[in-house]
Amino acid sequence: MYLGMDNKIIEKLPYPEYFKFKMSSEYLMPDIAQSWLVNNVIENQSGDDFLSNMLYYGKILYVVDAMLPEMENHYKMRYTQLEYEWAEVSEYNIWQHIVVEEWIYSKDMKLIVRYFNEGPTTVGLEDSPARIGQYLGWKIIKAFMEKNPDLTLLDLIAENNQSKILKAYKPKEIN
């Protein structure tokens, strides 16, 4: 899985190009960290609504970030540098769109799949990377932890008050 897109074995795999493109060693460590967390540390709290999915994935990505502080953020997200830059620049507008559409507490599984699952893009957001809901979750958790510097990672993992976490998030518009 980490031999590189140009490897003869990877070239022959029946996976879509967007998936093969990220079959390189740079993604190995964040994938190991995320897999270990999901299987051993962070109980699946993704729930059946949009917000609980954002916070679940946000917690995972925040802890991966703490485990791999020297690694570039785009690798932790399984994004290319350009995809990560797109997400950074678009964060405010995406959040506003989610709020206006009243999706924060949505239980629409099609919407949740679009914003949290792997794919070539986040369906409905032109030029976007996939899993933009996970990215927003990471930003929400980062904001929460910045506002609560005395909290430990264990405190974060145990925190279940969604309103308390969400209240800390105020994305800024980039002009």
Protein backbone atom coordinates (compact mmCIF):
# COMPACT_ATOMS: atom_id res chain seq x y z
CA MET A 1 0.00 0.00 0.00
CA TYR A 2 2.99 2.34 0.43
CA LEU A 3 5.18 1.36 -2.52
CA GLY A 4 4.36 4.49 -4.52
CA MET A 5 1.99 5.11 -7.41
CA ASP A 6 4.65 4.27 -10.01
CA ASN A 7 5.35 0.83 -8.59
CA LYS A 8 4.42 -1.95 -11.04
CA ILE A 9 2.32 -3.75 -8.43
CA ILE A 10 0.40 -0.60 -7.50
CA GLU A 11 -0.14 0.27 -11.17
CA LYS A 12 -1.93 -3.07 -11.69
CA LEU A 13 -4.22 -2.79 -8.68
CA PRO A 14 -7.89 -2.19 -9.56
CA TYR A 15 -8.10 0.97 -7.45
CA PRO A 16 -9.11 4.41 -8.71
CA GLU A 17 -6.28 6.82 -9.56
CA TYR A 18 -7.11 9.20 -6.69
CA PHE A 19 -6.50 6.31 -4.29
CA LYS A 20 -3.32 5.07 -5.97
CA PHE A 21 -1.94 8.60 -5.99
CA LYS A 22 -1.61 8.48 -2.20
CA MET A 23 -0.11 5.00 -2.00
CA SER A 24 3.26 6.31 -0.89
CA SER A 25 5.43 6.00 2.19
CA GLU A 26 4.69 9.56 3.39
CA TYR A 27 1.24 8.38 4.50
CA LEU A 28 2.48 5.31 6.40
CA MET A 29 3.06 6.86 9.84
CA PRO A 30 -0.21 8.82 10.03
CA ASP A 31 -2.10 5.74 8.85
CA ILE A 32 -0.48 3.60 11.55
CA ALA A 33 -1.19 6.23 14.21
CA GLN A 34 -4.80 6.61 13.13
CA SER A 35 -5.39 2.87 12.94
CA TRP A 36 -3.90 2.34 16.39
CA LEU A 37 -6.04 5.11 17.89
CA VAL A 38 -9.24 3.83 16.32
CA ASN A 39 -8.59 0.27 17.45
CA ASN A 40 -7.15 0.91 20.92
CA VAL A 41 -7.82 4.38 22.28
CA ILE A 42 -10.72 6.39 20.90
CA GLU A 43 -14.07 4.69 21.12
CA ASN A 44 -16.14 5.16 17.98
CA GLN A 45 -18.29 8.17 18.80
CA SER A 46 -19.14 9.00 15.21
CA GLY A 47 -22.85 8.57 15.90
CA ASP A 48 -25.45 9.08 13.23
CA ASP A 49 -25.31 12.84 12.78
CA PHE A 50 -22.99 15.27 11.03
CA LEU A 51 -21.60 16.96 14.16
CA SER A 52 -20.75 13.76 16.01
CA ASN A 53 -18.84 12.57 12.93
CA MET A 54 -16.92 15.85 12.76
CA LEU A 55 -15.94 15.65 16.42
CA TYR A 56 -15.01 11.97 16.30
CA TYR A 57 -12.70 12.41 13.31
CA GLY A 58 -11.45 15.71 14.70
CA LYS A 59 -10.36 14.03 17.92
CA ILE A 60 -8.55 11.32 16.00
CA LEU A 61 -6.72 13.83 13.81
CA TYR A 62 -5.86 16.02 16.80
CA VAL A 63 -4.27 13.08 18.63
CA VAL A 64 -2.45 11.97 15.44
CA ASP A 65 -1.11 15.53 15.23
CA ALA A 66 0.10 15.28 18.84
CA MET A 67 1.79 11.95 18.06
CA LEU A 68 3.49 13.27 14.91
CA PRO A 69 4.16 16.96 15.62
CA GLU A 70 6.99 17.30 13.10
CA MET A 71 5.04 15.82 10.20
CA GLU A 72 3.38 18.16 7.72
CA ASN A 73 -0.35 18.51 8.29
CA HIS A 74 -1.34 17.49 4.79
CA TYR A 75 0.09 14.00 5.33
CA LYS A 76 -1.91 13.62 8.55
CA MET A 77 -5.08 14.38 6.57
CA ARG A 78 -4.01 12.11 3.67
CA TYR A 79 -4.10 15.19 1.47
CA THR A 80 -1.62 16.53 -1.02
CA GLN A 81 -0.14 19.91 -0.18
CA LEU A 82 -2.49 21.55 -2.72
CA GLU A 83 -5.55 19.81 -1.28
CA TYR A 84 -4.60 20.95 2.22
CA GLU A 85 -4.09 24.53 1.03
CA TRP A 86 -7.51 24.43 -0.66
CA ALA A 87 -9.10 23.29 2.61
CA GLU A 88 -7.31 26.01 4.60
CA VAL A 89 -8.42 28.78 2.24
CA SER A 90 -11.97 27.41 1.95
CA GLU A 91 -12.62 26.58 5.62
CA TYR A 92 -14.76 29.64 6.41
CA ASN A 93 -16.90 29.33 3.28
CA ILE A 94 -17.47 25.60 3.78
CA TRP A 95 -18.45 26.16 7.40
CA GLN A 96 -20.86 28.93 6.41
CA HIS A 97 -22.40 26.64 3.79
CA ILE A 98 -22.91 23.88 6.38
CA VAL A 99 -24.51 26.34 8.82
CA VAL A 100 -26.80 27.91 6.20
CA GLU A 101 -27.92 24.47 4.98
CA GLU A 102 -28.56 23.48 8.63
CA TRP A 103 -26.49 20.31 8.30
CA ILE A 104 -24.73 20.40 11.68
CA TYR A 105 -27.27 18.09 13.30
CA SER A 106 -28.31 16.35 10.08
CA LYS A 107 -28.73 12.57 10.11
CA ASP A 108 -28.78 12.33 6.31
CA MET A 109 -26.46 9.38 5.62
CA LYS A 110 -25.83 10.49 2.02
CA LEU A 111 -24.58 13.83 3.33
CA ILE A 112 -22.40 12.18 5.97
CA VAL A 113 -20.88 9.83 3.38
CA ARG A 114 -20.17 12.79 1.06
CA TYR A 115 -18.32 14.78 3.74
CA PHE A 116 -16.50 12.04 5.66
CA ASN A 117 -15.70 9.13 3.36
CA GLU A 118 -12.84 8.63 0.93
CA GLY A 119 -13.32 9.70 -2.68
CA PRO A 120 -11.78 11.88 -5.33
CA THR A 121 -13.53 14.98 -3.87
CA THR A 122 -16.19 15.99 -1.41
CA VAL A 123 -19.24 15.72 -3.64
CA GLY A 124 -20.88 19.09 -4.16
CA LEU A 125 -17.76 21.15 -3.42
CA GLU A 126 -15.98 21.95 -6.65
CA ASP A 127 -12.21 21.32 -6.63
CA SER A 128 -12.34 20.11 -3.02
CA PRO A 129 -10.42 17.24 -1.48
CA ALA A 130 -12.36 14.30 -0.04
CA ARG A 131 -13.32 14.04 3.65
CA ILE A 132 -13.66 17.80 4.18
CA GLY A 133 -15.88 17.03 7.19
CA GLN A 134 -12.93 15.34 8.88
CA TYR A 135 -10.77 18.38 8.19
CA LEU A 136 -13.40 20.69 9.74
CA GLY A 137 -13.63 18.38 12.73
CA TRP A 138 -9.89 18.69 13.27
CA LYS A 139 -10.17 22.48 13.13
CA ILE A 140 -13.06 22.45 15.64
CA ILE A 141 -11.06 20.28 18.06
CA LYS A 142 -7.95 22.47 17.62
CA ALA A 143 -10.01 25.56 18.50
CA PHE A 144 -11.48 23.81 21.55
CA MET A 145 -8.06 22.74 22.81
CA GLU A 146 -6.58 26.20 22.24
CA LYS A 147 -9.37 27.69 24.37
CA ASN A 148 -8.79 25.02 27.04
CA PRO A 149 -4.99 24.71 27.36
CA ASP A 150 -5.19 22.85 30.68
CA LEU A 151 -6.97 19.87 29.11
CA THR A 152 -4.99 16.72 28.41
CA LEU A 153 -5.46 14.42 25.45
CA LEU A 154 -7.30 12.02 27.77
CA ASP A 155 -9.62 14.86 28.81
CA LEU A 156 -10.29 15.60 25.16
CA ILE A 157 -11.03 11.98 24.32
CA ALA A 158 -13.44 11.74 27.27
CA GLU A 159 -15.23 15.03 26.49
CA ASN A 160 -18.72 14.32 25.15
CA ASN A 161 -20.35 17.74 25.46
CA GLN A 162 -20.72 18.62 21.79
CA SER A 163 -22.06 22.13 22.45
CA LYS A 164 -19.10 22.94 24.69
CA ILE A 165 -16.67 21.82 21.99
CA LEU A 166 -18.48 23.54 19.13
CA LYS A 167 -18.75 26.85 21.00
CA ALA A 168 -14.97 27.31 20.71
CA TYR A 169 -15.00 27.21 16.89
CA LYS A 170 -15.10 30.55 15.05
CA PRO A 171 -13.47 30.21 11.64
CA LYS A 172 -12.10 33.41 10.14
CA GLU A 173 -12.82 34.57 6.63
CA ILE A 174 -9.71 34.75 4.44
CA ASN A 175 -9.79 37.52 1.87
